[in-house]
Amino acid sequence: MSRLVYSAITSLDGFVADEDGTFDWAAPDEEVHRFVNELERRVATYLYGRRMYEVMAFWEDPALSDDPEPVTRDYARIWQAAEKVVFSRTLTGVPTARTRLERDFDPEAVRRLKTEAAGPISVGGPELAAEAIRAGLVDEWHQLVTPVVVGAGRHWLPRGVRLDLELLEERRFAGGVVHLRYRRR
């Protein structure tokens, strides 16, 4: 059975984007980016909502294979190699390879995917992750906390959900980012 993992880079106050929808404050430095690459390298399938997919589709750009930064080239290869499922009622198609479009989030279909996937499954974006969390599908959480407070915006976790978690790992980075890894008790 594959694990469903929810990972996010957040502000100290728990937001993935500020109230203007920007997240430039969350851009990882090289050390954090290498760490994220290692986390993502094992992912077999990404689950996205429309907004997160539209952000992540950037990594399909063939020009990234010539990017001067090795961590950028590496992440592009990692992302391009994985399967992707996009849940959207508004998209009419998906321009990226290894990607399929689903109209509705079906928890039972995700449960089946967890039994069939060749590796971990990543759920991306706070709205889709909220659905997966509420359905009891998320097995593991990775939070990369950046040393910034943005005050308001899109929160990384859904309101009104209580879960007891166990801390599995923590790591501090030179730039002040802290990685926290949890699983359900």
C-alpha atoms as a PDB file:
ATOM      1  CA  MET A   1       0.000   0.000   0.000  1.00  0.00           C
ATOM      2  CA  SER A   2       1.429   3.338  -1.046  1.00  0.00           C
ATOM      3  CA  ARG A   3       1.377   6.310   1.282  1.00  0.00           C
ATOM      4  CA  LEU A   4      -0.480   9.510   0.448  1.00  0.00           C
ATOM      5  CA  VAL A   5       1.805  12.389   1.406  1.00  0.00           C
ATOM      6  CA  TYR A   6       0.915  16.047   1.734  1.00  0.00           C
ATOM      7  CA  SER A   7       3.915  18.388   1.513  1.00  0.00           C
ATOM      8  CA  ALA A   8       3.904  22.163   1.657  1.00  0.00           C
ATOM      9  CA  ILE A   9       6.263  25.070   2.060  1.00  0.00           C
ATOM     10  CA  THR A  10       4.576  27.389   4.537  1.00  0.00           C
ATOM     11  CA  SER A  11       5.096  30.611   6.409  1.00  0.00           C
ATOM     12  CA  LEU A  12       5.620  30.373  10.159  1.00  0.00           C
ATOM     13  CA  ASP A  13       1.928  31.232  10.592  1.00  0.00           C
ATOM     14  CA  GLY A  14       0.890  28.349   8.346  1.00  0.00           C
ATOM     15  CA  PHE A  15       0.107  29.910   4.968  1.00  0.00           C
ATOM     16  CA  VAL A  16       1.141  28.600   1.527  1.00  0.00           C
ATOM     17  CA  ALA A  17       0.272  31.906  -0.153  1.00  0.00           C
ATOM     18  CA  ASP A  18      -0.275  35.366   1.268  1.00  0.00           C
ATOM     19  CA  GLU A  19      -3.519  37.327   0.990  1.00  0.00           C
ATOM     20  CA  ASP A  20      -2.507  38.551  -2.493  1.00  0.00           C
ATOM     21  CA  GLY A  21      -1.980  34.947  -3.615  1.00  0.00           C
ATOM     22  CA  THR A  22       1.789  35.307  -3.875  1.00  0.00           C
ATOM     23  CA  PHE A  23       4.285  32.835  -2.534  1.00  0.00           C
ATOM     24  CA  ASP A  24       7.622  34.262  -3.696  1.00  0.00           C
ATOM     25  CA  TRP A  25       8.655  34.387  -0.028  1.00  0.00           C
ATOM     26  CA  ALA A  26       8.591  30.554  -0.082  1.00  0.00           C
ATOM     27  CA  ALA A  27      11.175  30.072  -2.862  1.00  0.00           C
ATOM     28  CA  PRO A  28      13.622  27.493  -1.520  1.00  0.00           C
ATOM     29  CA  ASP A  29      17.345  28.147  -1.459  1.00  0.00           C
ATOM     30  CA  GLU A  30      19.660  25.530  -2.993  1.00  0.00           C
ATOM     31  CA  GLU A  31      20.004  23.490   0.213  1.00  0.00           C
ATOM     32  CA  VAL A  32      16.237  23.244   0.738  1.00  0.00           C
ATOM     33  CA  HIS A  33      15.621  22.615  -2.967  1.00  0.00           C
ATOM     34  CA  ARG A  34      18.039  19.636  -2.908  1.00  0.00           C
ATOM     35  CA  PHE A  35      16.204  18.281   0.130  1.00  0.00           C
ATOM     36  CA  VAL A  36      12.817  18.685  -1.578  1.00  0.00           C
ATOM     37  CA  ASN A  37      14.198  16.933  -4.667  1.00  0.00           C
ATOM     38  CA  GLU A  38      15.130  13.936  -2.520  1.00  0.00           C
ATOM     39  CA  LEU A  39      11.652  13.864  -0.956  1.00  0.00           C
ATOM     40  CA  GLU A  40       9.988  14.100  -4.362  1.00  0.00           C
ATOM     41  CA  ARG A  41      12.262  11.624  -6.138  1.00  0.00           C
ATOM     42  CA  ARG A  42      10.231   8.698  -4.777  1.00  0.00           C
ATOM     43  CA  VAL A  43       6.813  10.098  -5.759  1.00  0.00           C
ATOM     44  CA  ALA A  44       5.049   7.904  -8.305  1.00  0.00           C
ATOM     45  CA  THR A  45       1.920  10.050  -8.753  1.00  0.00           C
ATOM     46  CA  TYR A  46       0.991  13.661  -8.048  1.00  0.00           C
ATOM     47  CA  LEU A  47      -2.623  14.602  -7.291  1.00  0.00           C
ATOM     48  CA  TYR A  48      -3.458  18.239  -8.021  1.00  0.00           C
ATOM     49  CA  GLY A  49      -6.368  20.605  -8.091  1.00  0.00           C
ATOM     50  CA  ARG A  50      -6.530  23.033 -11.005  1.00  0.00           C
ATOM     51  CA  ARG A  51      -4.692  25.938  -9.370  1.00  0.00           C
ATOM     52  CA  MET A  52      -1.767  23.871  -8.103  1.00  0.00           C
ATOM     53  CA  TYR A  53      -1.533  22.037 -11.413  1.00  0.00           C
ATOM     54  CA  GLU A  54      -1.348  25.315 -13.310  1.00  0.00           C
ATOM     55  CA  VAL A  55       1.526  26.429 -11.056  1.00  0.00           C
ATOM     56  CA  MET A  56       3.350  23.097 -11.328  1.00  0.00           C
ATOM     57  CA  ALA A  57       2.937  22.732 -15.114  1.00  0.00           C
ATOM     58  CA  PHE A  58       5.873  25.164 -15.333  1.00  0.00           C
ATOM     59  CA  TRP A  59       8.130  22.140 -14.697  1.00  0.00           C
ATOM     60  CA  GLU A  60       7.153  20.624 -18.055  1.00  0.00           C
ATOM     61  CA  ASP A  61       9.058  23.373 -19.923  1.00  0.00           C
ATOM     62  CA  PRO A  62      11.769  21.700 -22.086  1.00  0.00           C
ATOM     63  CA  ALA A  63      14.043  24.723 -21.536  1.00  0.00           C
ATOM     64  CA  LEU A  64      14.504  23.594 -17.922  1.00  0.00           C
ATOM     65  CA  SER A  65      16.747  20.778 -19.160  1.00  0.00           C
ATOM     66  CA  ASP A  66      19.268  23.532 -20.005  1.00  0.00           C
ATOM     67  CA  ASP A  67      18.814  25.494 -16.773  1.00  0.00           C
ATOM     68  CA  PRO A  68      22.182  26.476 -15.294  1.00  0.00           C
ATOM     69  CA  GLU A  69      21.082  25.336 -11.816  1.00  0.00           C
ATOM     70  CA  PRO A  70      21.508  21.560 -11.289  1.00  0.00           C
ATOM     71  CA  VAL A  71      18.760  21.448  -8.619  1.00  0.00           C
ATOM     72  CA  THR A  72      16.310  23.007 -11.060  1.00  0.00           C
ATOM     73  CA  ARG A  73      17.173  20.538 -13.833  1.00  0.00           C
ATOM     74  CA  ASP A  74      16.907  17.668 -11.374  1.00  0.00           C
ATOM     75  CA  TYR A  75      13.479  18.717 -10.085  1.00  0.00           C
ATOM     76  CA  ALA A  76      12.166  19.161 -13.633  1.00  0.00           C
ATOM     77  CA  ARG A  77      13.220  15.580 -14.457  1.00  0.00           C
ATOM     78  CA  ILE A  78      11.642  14.267 -11.245  1.00  0.00           C
ATOM     79  CA  TRP A  79       8.351  16.052 -11.925  1.00  0.00           C
ATOM     80  CA  GLN A  80       8.204  15.073 -15.593  1.00  0.00           C
ATOM     81  CA  ALA A  81       8.812  11.368 -14.797  1.00  0.00           C
ATOM     82  CA  ALA A  82       5.877  11.062 -12.386  1.00  0.00           C
ATOM     83  CA  GLU A  83       2.239  10.389 -13.217  1.00  0.00           C
ATOM     84  CA  LYS A  84      -0.143  13.265 -12.556  1.00  0.00           C
ATOM     85  CA  VAL A  85      -3.888  13.341 -11.882  1.00  0.00           C
ATOM     86  CA  VAL A  86      -5.617  16.721 -12.064  1.00  0.00           C
ATOM     87  CA  PHE A  87      -9.042  17.192 -10.494  1.00  0.00           C
ATOM     88  CA  SER A  88     -10.909  20.016 -12.197  1.00  0.00           C
ATOM     89  CA  ARG A  89     -14.407  20.759 -13.442  1.00  0.00           C
ATOM     90  CA  THR A  90     -13.208  23.755 -15.483  1.00  0.00           C
ATOM     91  CA  LEU A  91     -10.159  22.508 -17.400  1.00  0.00           C
ATOM     92  CA  THR A  92     -10.904  21.109 -20.842  1.00  0.00           C
ATOM     93  CA  GLY A  93      -7.537  19.414 -21.211  1.00  0.00           C
ATOM     94  CA  VAL A  94      -4.079  19.030 -19.707  1.00  0.00           C
ATOM     95  CA  PRO A  95      -1.021  19.978 -21.782  1.00  0.00           C
ATOM     96  CA  THR A  96       1.566  18.056 -19.751  1.00  0.00           C
ATOM     97  CA  ALA A  97       2.751  14.502 -20.397  1.00  0.00           C
ATOM     98  CA  ARG A  98       1.796  11.598 -18.115  1.00  0.00           C
ATOM     99  CA  THR A  99      -1.251  13.564 -16.932  1.00  0.00           C
ATOM    100  CA  ARG A 100      -4.909  12.647 -16.788  1.00  0.00           C
ATOM    101  CA  LEU A 101      -7.880  14.833 -15.973  1.00  0.00           C
ATOM    102  CA  GLU A 102     -10.593  13.796 -13.534  1.00  0.00           C
ATOM    103  CA  ARG A 103     -13.728  15.882 -13.013  1.00  0.00           C
ATOM    104  CA  ASP A 104     -14.369  14.990  -9.365  1.00  0.00           C
ATOM    105  CA  PHE A 105     -12.270  13.956  -6.397  1.00  0.00           C
ATOM    106  CA  ASP A 106     -13.332  10.409  -5.552  1.00  0.00           C
ATOM    107  CA  PRO A 107     -11.911   9.141  -2.237  1.00  0.00           C
ATOM    108  CA  GLU A 108     -12.569   5.514  -3.210  1.00  0.00           C
ATOM    109  CA  ALA A 109     -10.606   5.940  -6.450  1.00  0.00           C
ATOM    110  CA  VAL A 110      -7.712   7.400  -4.444  1.00  0.00           C
ATOM    111  CA  ARG A 111      -7.874   4.447  -2.044  1.00  0.00           C
ATOM    112  CA  ARG A 112      -7.604   2.109  -5.040  1.00  0.00           C
ATOM    113  CA  LEU A 113      -4.706   4.151  -6.420  1.00  0.00           C
ATOM    114  CA  LYS A 114      -2.918   3.764  -3.076  1.00  0.00           C
ATOM    115  CA  THR A 115      -3.067  -0.028  -3.492  1.00  0.00           C
ATOM    116  CA  GLU A 116      -1.860   0.087  -7.110  1.00  0.00           C
ATOM    117  CA  ALA A 117       0.772   2.856  -7.179  1.00  0.00           C
ATOM    118  CA  ALA A 118       4.444   1.960  -7.581  1.00  0.00           C
ATOM    119  CA  GLY A 119       5.482   4.464  -4.918  1.00  0.00           C
ATOM    120  CA  PRO A 120       4.254   7.297  -2.708  1.00  0.00           C
ATOM    121  CA  ILE A 121       1.454   9.538  -3.928  1.00  0.00           C
ATOM    122  CA  SER A 122       1.677  13.268  -3.331  1.00  0.00           C
ATOM    123  CA  VAL A 123      -1.357  15.494  -2.910  1.00  0.00           C
ATOM    124  CA  GLY A 124      -0.620  19.094  -3.813  1.00  0.00           C
ATOM    125  CA  GLY A 125      -2.494  22.249  -2.952  1.00  0.00           C
ATOM    126  CA  PRO A 126      -4.423  23.055   0.213  1.00  0.00           C
ATOM    127  CA  GLU A 127      -7.949  22.661  -1.206  1.00  0.00           C
ATOM    128  CA  LEU A 128      -7.408  19.185  -2.640  1.00  0.00           C
ATOM    129  CA  ALA A 129      -5.346  18.188   0.398  1.00  0.00           C
ATOM    130  CA  ALA A 130      -8.244  19.303   2.623  1.00  0.00           C
ATOM    131  CA  GLU A 131     -10.550  16.893   0.798  1.00  0.00           C
ATOM    132  CA  ALA A 132      -8.031  14.076   1.169  1.00  0.00           C
ATOM    133  CA  ILE A 133      -7.462  14.891   4.862  1.00  0.00           C
ATOM    134  CA  ARG A 134     -11.198  14.969   5.579  1.00  0.00           C
ATOM    135  CA  ALA A 135     -11.583  11.607   3.798  1.00  0.00           C
ATOM    136  CA  GLY A 136      -8.864  10.109   6.015  1.00  0.00           C
ATOM    137  CA  LEU A 137      -6.548   9.452   3.069  1.00  0.00           C
ATOM    138  CA  VAL A 138      -3.405  11.385   4.050  1.00  0.00           C
ATOM    139  CA  ASP A 139      -0.841   9.168   5.756  1.00  0.00           C
ATOM    140  CA  GLU A 140       2.049  11.588   6.106  1.00  0.00           C
ATOM    141  CA  TRP A 141       2.603  15.359   6.298  1.00  0.00           C
ATOM    142  CA  HIS A 142       5.779  17.265   5.361  1.00  0.00           C
ATOM    143  CA  GLN A 143       5.850  20.932   6.318  1.00  0.00           C
ATOM    144  CA  LEU A 144       8.768  23.152   5.368  1.00  0.00           C
ATOM    145  CA  VAL A 145       8.353  26.197   7.599  1.00  0.00           C
ATOM    146  CA  THR A 146       9.975  29.364   6.282  1.00  0.00           C
ATOM    147  CA  PRO A 147      11.052  32.136   8.666  1.00  0.00           C
ATOM    148  CA  VAL A 148       8.431  34.637   7.544  1.00  0.00           C
ATOM    149  CA  VAL A 149       5.021  35.657   8.898  1.00  0.00           C
ATOM    150  CA  VAL A 150       2.555  36.740   6.192  1.00  0.00           C
ATOM    151  CA  GLY A 151      -0.484  37.412   8.404  1.00  0.00           C
ATOM    152  CA  ALA A 152      -3.214  36.074   6.115  1.00  0.00           C
ATOM    153  CA  GLY A 153      -3.779  34.106   2.953  1.00  0.00           C
ATOM    154  CA  ARG A 154      -4.329  30.485   1.960  1.00  0.00           C
ATOM    155  CA  HIS A 155      -3.780  28.217   4.960  1.00  0.00           C
ATOM    156  CA  TRP A 156      -2.048  24.882   4.386  1.00  0.00           C
ATOM    157  CA  LEU A 157      -4.440  22.858   6.587  1.00  0.00           C
ATOM    158  CA  PRO A 158      -8.225  22.743   6.617  1.00  0.00           C
ATOM    159  CA  ARG A 159     -10.158  24.322   9.458  1.00  0.00           C
ATOM    160  CA  GLY A 160     -12.348  22.165  11.650  1.00  0.00           C
ATOM    161  CA  VAL A 161     -10.282  18.971  11.382  1.00  0.00           C
ATOM    162  CA  ARG A 162      -8.560  17.396  14.357  1.00  0.00           C
ATOM    163  CA  LEU A 163      -5.906  14.717  13.953  1.00  0.00           C
ATOM    164  CA  ASP A 164      -3.411  13.248  16.376  1.00  0.00           C
ATOM    165  CA  LEU A 165      -0.018  13.106  14.698  1.00  0.00           C
ATOM    166  CA  GLU A 166       3.343  11.645  15.553  1.00  0.00           C
ATOM    167  CA  LEU A 167       6.529  13.588  14.768  1.00  0.00           C
ATOM    168  CA  LEU A 168       8.827  11.341  12.732  1.00  0.00           C
ATOM    169  CA  GLU A 169      11.558  13.733  11.706  1.00  0.00           C
ATOM    170  CA  GLU A 170      12.726  17.315  11.961  1.00  0.00           C
ATOM    171  CA  ARG A 171      15.552  19.098  10.221  1.00  0.00           C
ATOM    172  CA  ARG A 172      16.894  22.638  10.371  1.00  0.00           C
ATOM    173  CA  PHE A 173      18.458  24.348   7.359  1.00  0.00           C
ATOM    174  CA  ALA A 174      21.081  27.100   7.345  1.00  0.00           C
ATOM    175  CA  GLY A 175      18.651  29.684   5.953  1.00  0.00           C
ATOM    176  CA  GLY A 176      16.199  29.192   8.823  1.00  0.00           C
ATOM    177  CA  VAL A 177      13.760  26.774   7.153  1.00  0.00           C
ATOM    178  CA  VAL A 178      12.627  23.859   9.315  1.00  0.00           C
ATOM    179  CA  HIS A 179      11.292  20.572   7.913  1.00  0.00           C
ATOM    180  CA  LEU A 180       8.738  18.673  10.000  1.00  0.00           C
ATOM    181  CA  ARG A 181       7.522  15.189   9.060  1.00  0.00           C
ATOM    182  CA  TYR A 182       4.463  13.668  10.732  1.00  0.00           C
ATOM    183  CA  ARG A 183       2.244  10.623  10.366  1.00  0.00           C
ATOM    184  CA  ARG A 184      -1.133   9.800  11.781  1.00  0.00           C
ATOM    185  CA  ARG A 185      -1.058   8.064  15.168  1.00  0.00           C
END
